[in-house]
Amino acid sequence: MKNNLQQKEQVEVMALFGYEMTPCQPLSFKRRGETGETEVTELLRTQIKFAGGVAIHLFNIAAGRDRYVLAFNSQDLSWHLTPAA
């Protein structure tokens, strides 16, 4: 898959919640207009940032050779995908 992502894009994510020491682990994501899912092959790093009282959970991930950041907004429960810097 090409990493042609320029800015954040809302995606659907399959995640495992409450898994051992990691409270949330994204397993795969699906971009709009694509028929299949992209598997998260490695969880590289997690962190939480607060923006105006809203917790944003950031997951640095690998999907094959591509690197992304998945962001989970705890207020509206949305997921966004951006290319890793």
PDB file of N, CA and C in Angstrom:
ATOM      1  N   MET A   1       0.845  -1.182   0.000  1.00  0.00           N
ATOM      2  CA  MET A   1       0.000   0.000   0.000  1.00  0.00           C
ATOM      3  C   MET A   1       0.882   1.234   0.000  1.00  0.00           C
ATOM      4  N   LYS A   2       0.538   2.192  -0.807  1.00  0.00           N
ATOM      5  CA  LYS A   2       1.294   3.428  -0.859  1.00  0.00           C
ATOM      6  C   LYS A   2       0.944   4.318   0.323  1.00  0.00           C
ATOM      7  N   ASN A   3       1.925   5.032   0.806  1.00  0.00           N
ATOM      8  CA  ASN A   3       1.700   5.979   1.893  1.00  0.00           C
ATOM      9  C   ASN A   3       1.445   7.346   1.264  1.00  0.00           C
ATOM     10  N   ASN A   4       0.252   7.519   0.645  1.00  0.00           N
ATOM     11  CA  ASN A   4      -0.085   8.761  -0.039  1.00  0.00           C
ATOM     12  C   ASN A   4      -0.935   9.675   0.834  1.00  0.00           C
ATOM     13  N   LEU A   5      -0.891   9.480   2.106  1.00  0.00           N
ATOM     14  CA  LEU A   5      -1.668  10.241   3.069  1.00  0.00           C
ATOM     15  C   LEU A   5      -0.965  11.563   3.345  1.00  0.00           C
ATOM     16  N   GLN A   6      -1.625  12.669   3.159  1.00  0.00           N
ATOM     17  CA  GLN A   6      -1.019  13.982   3.352  1.00  0.00           C
ATOM     18  C   GLN A   6      -1.415  14.634   4.676  1.00  0.00           C
ATOM     19  N   GLN A   7      -2.614  14.372   5.137  1.00  0.00           N
ATOM     20  CA  GLN A   7      -3.103  14.970   6.375  1.00  0.00           C
ATOM     21  C   GLN A   7      -3.953  13.951   7.111  1.00  0.00           C
ATOM     22  N   LYS A   8      -4.511  14.360   8.244  1.00  0.00           N
ATOM     23  CA  LYS A   8      -5.289  13.371   8.994  1.00  0.00           C
ATOM     24  C   LYS A   8      -6.547  12.981   8.232  1.00  0.00           C
ATOM     25  N   GLU A   9      -6.864  11.727   8.333  1.00  0.00           N
ATOM     26  CA  GLU A   9      -7.994  11.138   7.627  1.00  0.00           C
ATOM     27  C   GLU A   9      -8.767  10.268   8.606  1.00  0.00           C
ATOM     28  N   GLN A  10     -10.080  10.444   8.664  1.00  0.00           N
ATOM     29  CA  GLN A  10     -10.878   9.621   9.572  1.00  0.00           C
ATOM     30  C   GLN A  10     -10.936   8.202   9.028  1.00  0.00           C
ATOM     31  N   VAL A  11     -10.727   7.232   9.917  1.00  0.00           N
ATOM     32  CA  VAL A  11     -10.709   5.819   9.537  1.00  0.00           C
ATOM     33  C   VAL A  11     -11.524   5.001  10.530  1.00  0.00           C
ATOM     34  N   GLU A  12     -11.864   3.785  10.125  1.00  0.00           N
ATOM     35  CA  GLU A  12     -12.498   2.824  11.017  1.00  0.00           C
ATOM     36  C   GLU A  12     -11.389   1.936  11.564  1.00  0.00           C
ATOM     37  N   VAL A  13     -11.421   1.660  12.867  1.00  0.00           N
ATOM     38  CA  VAL A  13     -10.360   0.881  13.492  1.00  0.00           C
ATOM     39  C   VAL A  13     -10.960  -0.300  14.256  1.00  0.00           C
ATOM     40  N   MET A  14     -10.319  -1.448  14.096  1.00  0.00           N
ATOM     41  CA  MET A  14     -10.627  -2.621  14.913  1.00  0.00           C
ATOM     42  C   MET A  14      -9.567  -2.625  16.005  1.00  0.00           C
ATOM     43  N   ALA A  15     -10.002  -2.549  17.261  1.00  0.00           N
ATOM     44  CA  ALA A  15      -9.054  -2.464  18.371  1.00  0.00           C
ATOM     45  C   ALA A  15      -9.451  -3.432  19.475  1.00  0.00           C
ATOM     46  N   LEU A  16      -8.447  -3.832  20.219  1.00  0.00           N
ATOM     47  CA  LEU A  16      -8.639  -4.702  21.367  1.00  0.00           C
ATOM     48  C   LEU A  16      -8.488  -3.846  22.621  1.00  0.00           C
ATOM     49  N   PHE A  17      -9.527  -3.790  23.445  1.00  0.00           N
ATOM     50  CA  PHE A  17      -9.498  -2.971  24.658  1.00  0.00           C
ATOM     51  C   PHE A  17      -9.304  -3.870  25.877  1.00  0.00           C
ATOM     52  N   GLY A  18      -8.536  -3.355  26.853  1.00  0.00           N
ATOM     53  CA  GLY A  18      -8.331  -4.074  28.097  1.00  0.00           C
ATOM     54  C   GLY A  18      -7.409  -5.252  27.964  1.00  0.00           C
ATOM     55  N   TYR A  19      -6.363  -5.130  27.147  1.00  0.00           N
ATOM     56  CA  TYR A  19      -5.437  -6.226  26.890  1.00  0.00           C
ATOM     57  C   TYR A  19      -4.184  -6.067  27.732  1.00  0.00           C
ATOM     58  N   GLU A  20      -4.015  -6.905  28.738  1.00  0.00           N
ATOM     59  CA  GLU A  20      -2.852  -6.934  29.619  1.00  0.00           C
ATOM     60  C   GLU A  20      -2.424  -5.531  30.052  1.00  0.00           C
ATOM     61  N   MET A  21      -1.181  -5.154  29.785  1.00  0.00           N
ATOM     62  CA  MET A  21      -0.666  -3.845  30.219  1.00  0.00           C
ATOM     63  C   MET A  21      -1.039  -2.719  29.258  1.00  0.00           C
ATOM     64  N   THR A  22      -1.536  -3.047  28.087  1.00  0.00           N
ATOM     65  CA  THR A  22      -1.941  -2.040  27.112  1.00  0.00           C
ATOM     66  C   THR A  22      -3.460  -1.929  27.141  1.00  0.00           C
ATOM     67  N   PRO A  23      -4.014  -0.807  27.608  1.00  0.00           N
ATOM     68  CA  PRO A  23      -5.476  -0.698  27.706  1.00  0.00           C
ATOM     69  C   PRO A  23      -6.185  -0.722  26.356  1.00  0.00           C
ATOM     70  N   CYS A  24      -5.483  -0.326  25.278  1.00  0.00           N
ATOM     71  CA  CYS A  24      -6.072  -0.350  23.947  1.00  0.00           C
ATOM     72  C   CYS A  24      -4.968  -0.678  22.942  1.00  0.00           C
ATOM     73  N   GLN A  25      -5.270  -1.601  22.036  1.00  0.00           N
ATOM     74  CA  GLN A  25      -4.309  -1.974  21.007  1.00  0.00           C
ATOM     75  C   GLN A  25      -5.025  -2.024  19.660  1.00  0.00           C
ATOM     76  N   PRO A  26      -4.707  -1.088  18.728  1.00  0.00           N
ATOM     77  CA  PRO A  26      -5.312  -1.152  17.400  1.00  0.00           C
ATOM     78  C   PRO A  26      -4.794  -2.371  16.641  1.00  0.00           C
ATOM     79  N   LEU A  27      -5.705  -3.098  16.005  1.00  0.00           N
ATOM     80  CA  LEU A  27      -5.348  -4.312  15.271  1.00  0.00           C
ATOM     81  C   LEU A  27      -5.337  -4.101  13.761  1.00  0.00           C
ATOM     82  N   SER A  28      -6.281  -3.292  13.267  1.00  0.00           N
ATOM     83  CA  SER A  28      -6.358  -3.001  11.835  1.00  0.00           C
ATOM     84  C   SER A  28      -7.163  -1.723  11.642  1.00  0.00           C
ATOM     85  N   PHE A  29      -7.041  -1.154  10.435  1.00  0.00           N
ATOM     86  CA  PHE A  29      -7.832   0.034  10.102  1.00  0.00           C
ATOM     87  C   PHE A  29      -8.297  -0.050   8.667  1.00  0.00           C
ATOM     88  N   LYS A  30      -9.369   0.667   8.389  1.00  0.00           N
ATOM     89  CA  LYS A  30      -9.954   0.696   7.051  1.00  0.00           C
ATOM     90  C   LYS A  30     -10.148   2.141   6.637  1.00  0.00           C
ATOM     91  N   ARG A  31      -9.572   2.477   5.500  1.00  0.00           N
ATOM     92  CA  ARG A  31      -9.708   3.832   4.956  1.00  0.00           C
ATOM     93  C   ARG A  31     -10.939   3.915   4.070  1.00  0.00           C
ATOM     94  N   ARG A  32     -11.500   5.114   3.972  1.00  0.00           N
ATOM     95  CA  ARG A  32     -12.681   5.314   3.116  1.00  0.00           C
ATOM     96  C   ARG A  32     -12.333   4.978   1.674  1.00  0.00           C
ATOM     97  N   GLY A  33     -13.253   4.319   1.019  1.00  0.00           N
ATOM     98  CA  GLY A  33     -13.066   3.975  -0.383  1.00  0.00           C
ATOM     99  C   GLY A  33     -12.265   2.708  -0.615  1.00  0.00           C
ATOM    100  N   GLU A  34     -11.724   2.112   0.435  1.00  0.00           N
ATOM    101  CA  GLU A  34     -10.981   0.866   0.288  1.00  0.00           C
ATOM    102  C   GLU A  34     -11.854  -0.295   0.735  1.00  0.00           C
ATOM    103  N   THR A  35     -11.742  -1.413   0.062  1.00  0.00           N
ATOM    104  CA  THR A  35     -12.582  -2.564   0.396  1.00  0.00           C
ATOM    105  C   THR A  35     -12.002  -3.402   1.523  1.00  0.00           C
ATOM    106  N   GLY A  36     -10.688  -3.451   1.617  1.00  0.00           N
ATOM    107  CA  GLY A  36     -10.064  -4.287   2.640  1.00  0.00           C
ATOM    108  C   GLY A  36      -9.509  -3.478   3.790  1.00  0.00           C
ATOM    109  N   GLU A  37      -9.114  -4.202   4.819  1.00  0.00           N
ATOM    110  CA  GLU A  37      -8.512  -3.584   5.992  1.00  0.00           C
ATOM    111  C   GLU A  37      -6.995  -3.674   5.901  1.00  0.00           C
ATOM    112  N   THR A  38      -6.324  -2.760   6.572  1.00  0.00           N
ATOM    113  CA  THR A  38      -4.875  -2.772   6.674  1.00  0.00           C
ATOM    114  C   THR A  38      -4.508  -3.247   8.062  1.00  0.00           C
ATOM    115  N   GLU A  39      -3.703  -4.284   8.140  1.00  0.00           N
ATOM    116  CA  GLU A  39      -3.324  -4.859   9.428  1.00  0.00           C
ATOM    117  C   GLU A  39      -2.219  -4.037  10.087  1.00  0.00           C
ATOM    118  N   VAL A  40      -2.376  -3.789  11.369  1.00  0.00           N
ATOM    119  CA  VAL A  40      -1.321  -3.167  12.172  1.00  0.00           C
ATOM    120  C   VAL A  40      -0.340  -4.283  12.518  1.00  0.00           C
ATOM    121  N   THR A  41       0.880  -4.186  11.985  1.00  0.00           N
ATOM    122  CA  THR A  41       1.855  -5.254  12.211  1.00  0.00           C
ATOM    123  C   THR A  41       2.678  -5.034  13.471  1.00  0.00           C
ATOM    124  N   GLU A  42       2.749  -3.773  13.936  1.00  0.00           N
ATOM    125  CA  GLU A  42       3.517  -3.511  15.154  1.00  0.00           C
ATOM    126  C   GLU A  42       3.026  -2.226  15.820  1.00  0.00           C
ATOM    127  N   LEU A  43       2.876  -2.278  17.131  1.00  0.00           N
ATOM    128  CA  LEU A  43       2.567  -1.100  17.931  1.00  0.00           C
ATOM    129  C   LEU A  43       3.898  -0.568  18.439  1.00  0.00           C
ATOM    130  N   LEU A  44       4.298   0.604  17.949  1.00  0.00           N
ATOM    131  CA  LEU A  44       5.623   1.143  18.242  1.00  0.00           C
ATOM    132  C   LEU A  44       5.671   1.973  19.517  1.00  0.00           C
ATOM    133  N   ARG A  45       4.641   2.783  19.743  1.00  0.00           N
ATOM    134  CA  ARG A  45       4.633   3.700  20.891  1.00  0.00           C
ATOM    135  C   ARG A  45       3.218   4.182  21.130  1.00  0.00           C
ATOM    136  N   THR A  46       2.897   4.453  22.385  1.00  0.00           N
ATOM    137  CA  THR A  46       1.604   5.056  22.721  1.00  0.00           C
ATOM    138  C   THR A  46       1.837   6.253  23.634  1.00  0.00           C
ATOM    139  N   GLN A  47       0.942   7.211  23.548  1.00  0.00           N
ATOM    140  CA  GLN A  47       0.979   8.354  24.457  1.00  0.00           C
ATOM    141  C   GLN A  47      -0.397   9.003  24.477  1.00  0.00           C
ATOM    142  N   ILE A  48      -0.610   9.840  25.486  1.00  0.00           N
ATOM    143  CA  ILE A  48      -1.869  10.567  25.626  1.00  0.00           C
ATOM    144  C   ILE A  48      -1.557  12.050  25.673  1.00  0.00           C
ATOM    145  N   LYS A  49      -2.330  12.816  24.891  1.00  0.00           N
ATOM    146  CA  LYS A  49      -2.233  14.281  24.932  1.00  0.00           C
ATOM    147  C   LYS A  49      -3.610  14.815  25.287  1.00  0.00           C
ATOM    148  N   PHE A  50      -3.625  15.943  25.965  1.00  0.00           N
ATOM    149  CA  PHE A  50      -4.888  16.568  26.339  1.00  0.00           C
ATOM    150  C   PHE A  50      -5.048  17.871  25.569  1.00  0.00           C
ATOM    151  N   ALA A  51      -6.225  18.033  24.961  1.00  0.00           N
ATOM    152  CA  ALA A  51      -6.536  19.235  24.191  1.00  0.00           C
ATOM    153  C   ALA A  51      -7.907  19.730  24.637  1.00  0.00           C
ATOM    154  N   GLY A  52      -7.913  20.818  25.382  1.00  0.00           N
ATOM    155  CA  GLY A  52      -9.182  21.384  25.841  1.00  0.00           C
ATOM    156  C   GLY A  52     -10.003  20.424  26.686  1.00  0.00           C
ATOM    157  N   GLY A  53      -9.364  19.666  27.532  1.00  0.00           N
ATOM    158  CA  GLY A  53     -10.073  18.740  28.397  1.00  0.00           C
ATOM    159  C   GLY A  53     -10.425  17.410  27.750  1.00  0.00           C
ATOM    160  N   VAL A  54      -9.997  17.208  26.504  1.00  0.00           N
ATOM    161  CA  VAL A  54     -10.264  15.961  25.795  1.00  0.00           C
ATOM    162  C   VAL A  54      -8.965  15.176  25.694  1.00  0.00           C
ATOM    163  N   ALA A  55      -9.018  13.903  26.048  1.00  0.00           N
ATOM    164  CA  ALA A  55      -7.842  13.040  25.927  1.00  0.00           C
ATOM    165  C   ALA A  55      -7.760  12.505  24.502  1.00  0.00           C
ATOM    166  N   ILE A  56      -6.599  12.697  23.883  1.00  0.00           N
ATOM    167  CA  ILE A  56      -6.316  12.154  22.555  1.00  0.00           C
ATOM    168  C   ILE A  56      -5.256  11.071  22.749  1.00  0.00           C
ATOM    169  N   HIS A  57      -5.606   9.842  22.438  1.00  0.00           N
ATOM    170  CA  HIS A  57      -4.696   8.716  22.583  1.00  0.00           C
ATOM    171  C   HIS A  57      -3.975   8.518  21.244  1.00  0.00           C
ATOM    172  N   LEU A  58      -2.650   8.581  21.257  1.00  0.00           N
ATOM    173  CA  LEU A  58      -1.855   8.479  20.039  1.00  0.00           C
ATOM    174  C   LEU A  58      -1.140   7.135  19.996  1.00  0.00           C
ATOM    175  N   PHE A  59      -1.234   6.467  18.876  1.00  0.00           N
ATOM    176  CA  PHE A  59      -0.611   5.165  18.669  1.00  0.00           C
ATOM    177  C   PHE A  59       0.293   5.253  17.449  1.00  0.00           C
ATOM    178  N   ASN A  60       1.587   5.184  17.660  1.00  0.00           N
ATOM    179  CA  ASN A  60       2.525   5.097  16.543  1.00  0.00           C
ATOM    180  C   ASN A  60       2.555   3.629  16.138  1.00  0.00           C
ATOM    181  N   ILE A  61       2.238   3.356  14.869  1.00  0.00           N
ATOM    182  CA  ILE A  61       2.100   1.982  14.411  1.00  0.00           C
ATOM    183  C   ILE A  61       2.892   1.730  13.136  1.00  0.00           C
ATOM    184  N   ALA A  62       3.141   0.468  12.879  1.00  0.00           N
ATOM    185  CA  ALA A  62       3.676   0.017  11.601  1.00  0.00           C
ATOM    186  C   ALA A  62       2.603  -0.833  10.949  1.00  0.00           C
ATOM    187  N   ALA A  63       2.432  -0.625   9.651  1.00  0.00           N
ATOM    188  CA  ALA A  63       1.535  -1.446   8.839  1.00  0.00           C
ATOM    189  C   ALA A  63       2.371  -1.901   7.649  1.00  0.00           C
ATOM    190  N   GLY A  64       3.005  -3.043   7.824  1.00  0.00           N
ATOM    191  CA  GLY A  64       3.980  -3.481   6.819  1.00  0.00           C
ATOM    192  C   GLY A  64       5.187  -2.560   6.886  1.00  0.00           C
ATOM    193  N   ARG A  65       5.540  -1.960   5.764  1.00  0.00           N
ATOM    194  CA  ARG A  65       6.682  -1.032   5.721  1.00  0.00           C
ATOM    195  C   ARG A  65       6.292   0.409   6.017  1.00  0.00           C
ATOM    196  N   ASP A  66       5.006   0.689   6.045  1.00  0.00           N
ATOM    197  CA  ASP A  66       4.527   2.051   6.269  1.00  0.00           C
ATOM    198  C   ASP A  66       4.379   2.336   7.753  1.00  0.00           C
ATOM    199  N   ARG A  67       4.620   3.596   8.127  1.00  0.00           N
ATOM    200  CA  ARG A  67       4.493   4.043   9.513  1.00  0.00           C
ATOM    201  C   ARG A  67       3.398   5.110   9.580  1.00  0.00           C
ATOM    202  N   TYR A  68       2.528   4.989  10.589  1.00  0.00           N
ATOM    203  CA  TYR A  68       1.417   5.910  10.766  1.00  0.00           C
ATOM    204  C   TYR A  68       1.270   6.274  12.235  1.00  0.00           C
ATOM    205  N   VAL A  69       0.435   7.280  12.471  1.00  0.00           N
ATOM    206  CA  VAL A  69      -0.045   7.598  13.814  1.00  0.00           C
ATOM    207  C   VAL A  69      -1.564   7.507  13.764  1.00  0.00           C
ATOM    208  N   LEU A  70      -2.104   6.659  14.620  1.00  0.00           N
ATOM    209  CA  LEU A  70      -3.552   6.573  14.801  1.00  0.00           C
ATOM    210  C   LEU A  70      -3.892   7.374  16.046  1.00  0.00           C
ATOM    211  N   ALA A  71      -4.849   8.282  15.926  1.00  0.00           N
ATOM    212  CA  ALA A  71      -5.269   9.114  17.053  1.00  0.00           C
ATOM    213  C   ALA A  71      -6.719   8.783  17.396  1.00  0.00           C
ATOM    214  N   PHE A  72      -6.961   8.493  18.668  1.00  0.00           N
ATOM    215  CA  PHE A  72      -8.308   8.196  19.156  1.00  0.00           C
ATOM    216  C   PHE A  72      -8.775   9.342  20.025  1.00  0.00           C
ATOM    217  N   ASN A  73      -9.885   9.975  19.636  1.00  0.00           N
ATOM    218  CA  ASN A  73     -10.473  11.084  20.377  1.00  0.00           C
ATOM    219  C   ASN A  73     -11.452  10.494  21.395  1.00  0.00           C
ATOM    220  N   SER A  74     -11.159  10.672  22.686  1.00  0.00           N
ATOM    221  CA  SER A  74     -11.981  10.065  23.729  1.00  0.00           C
ATOM    222  C   SER A  74     -13.337  10.741  23.900  1.00  0.00           C
ATOM    223  N   GLN A  75     -13.506  11.923  23.332  1.00  0.00           N
ATOM    224  CA  GLN A  75     -14.794  12.608  23.465  1.00  0.00           C
ATOM    225  C   GLN A  75     -15.797  12.136  22.413  1.00  0.00           C
ATOM    226  N   ASP A  76     -15.412  12.163  21.138  1.00  0.00           N
ATOM    227  CA  ASP A  76     -16.363  11.767  20.093  1.00  0.00           C
ATOM    228  C   ASP A  76     -16.107  10.345  19.571  1.00  0.00           C
ATOM    229  N   LEU A  77     -15.124   9.654  20.163  1.00  0.00           N
ATOM    230  CA  LEU A  77     -14.796   8.263  19.847  1.00  0.00           C
ATOM    231  C   LEU A  77     -14.380   8.048  18.397  1.00  0.00           C
ATOM    232  N   SER A  78     -13.801   9.074  17.777  1.00  0.00           N
ATOM    233  CA  SER A  78     -13.353   8.957  16.399  1.00  0.00           C
ATOM    234  C   SER A  78     -11.871   8.599  16.337  1.00  0.00           C
ATOM    235  N   TRP A  79     -11.497   7.959  15.234  1.00  0.00           N
ATOM    236  CA  TRP A  79     -10.117   7.592  14.961  1.00  0.00           C
ATOM    237  C   TRP A  79      -9.641   8.363  13.742  1.00  0.00           C
ATOM    238  N   HIS A  80      -8.407   8.872  13.779  1.00  0.00           N
ATOM    239  CA  HIS A  80      -7.822   9.556  12.637  1.00  0.00           C
ATOM    240  C   HIS A  80      -6.435   8.991  12.367  1.00  0.00           C
ATOM    241  N   LEU A  81      -6.091   8.920  11.093  1.00  0.00           N
ATOM    242  CA  LEU A  81      -4.814   8.377  10.648  1.00  0.00           C
ATOM    243  C   LEU A  81      -3.981   9.485  10.022  1.00  0.00           C
ATOM    244  N   THR A  82      -2.724   9.558  10.389  1.00  0.00           N
ATOM    245  CA  THR A  82      -1.792  10.505   9.765  1.00  0.00           C
ATOM    246  C   THR A  82      -0.483   9.759   9.486  1.00  0.00           C
ATOM    247  N   PRO A  83       0.272  10.235   8.500  1.00  0.00           N
ATOM    248  CA  PRO A  83       1.579   9.607   8.269  1.00  0.00           C
ATOM    249  C   PRO A  83       2.505   9.939   9.425  1.00  0.00           C
ATOM    250  N   ALA A  84       3.387   9.026   9.761  1.00  0.00           N
ATOM    251  CA  ALA A  84       4.360   9.279  10.831  1.00  0.00           C
ATOM    252  C   ALA A  84       5.385  10.277  10.326  1.00  0.00           C
ATOM    253  N   ALA A  85       5.815  11.160  11.207  1.00  0.00           N
ATOM    254  CA  ALA A  85       6.797  12.186  10.827  1.00  0.00           C
ATOM    255  C   ALA A  85       8.187  11.612  10.742  1.00  0.00           C
TER     256      ALA A  85
END
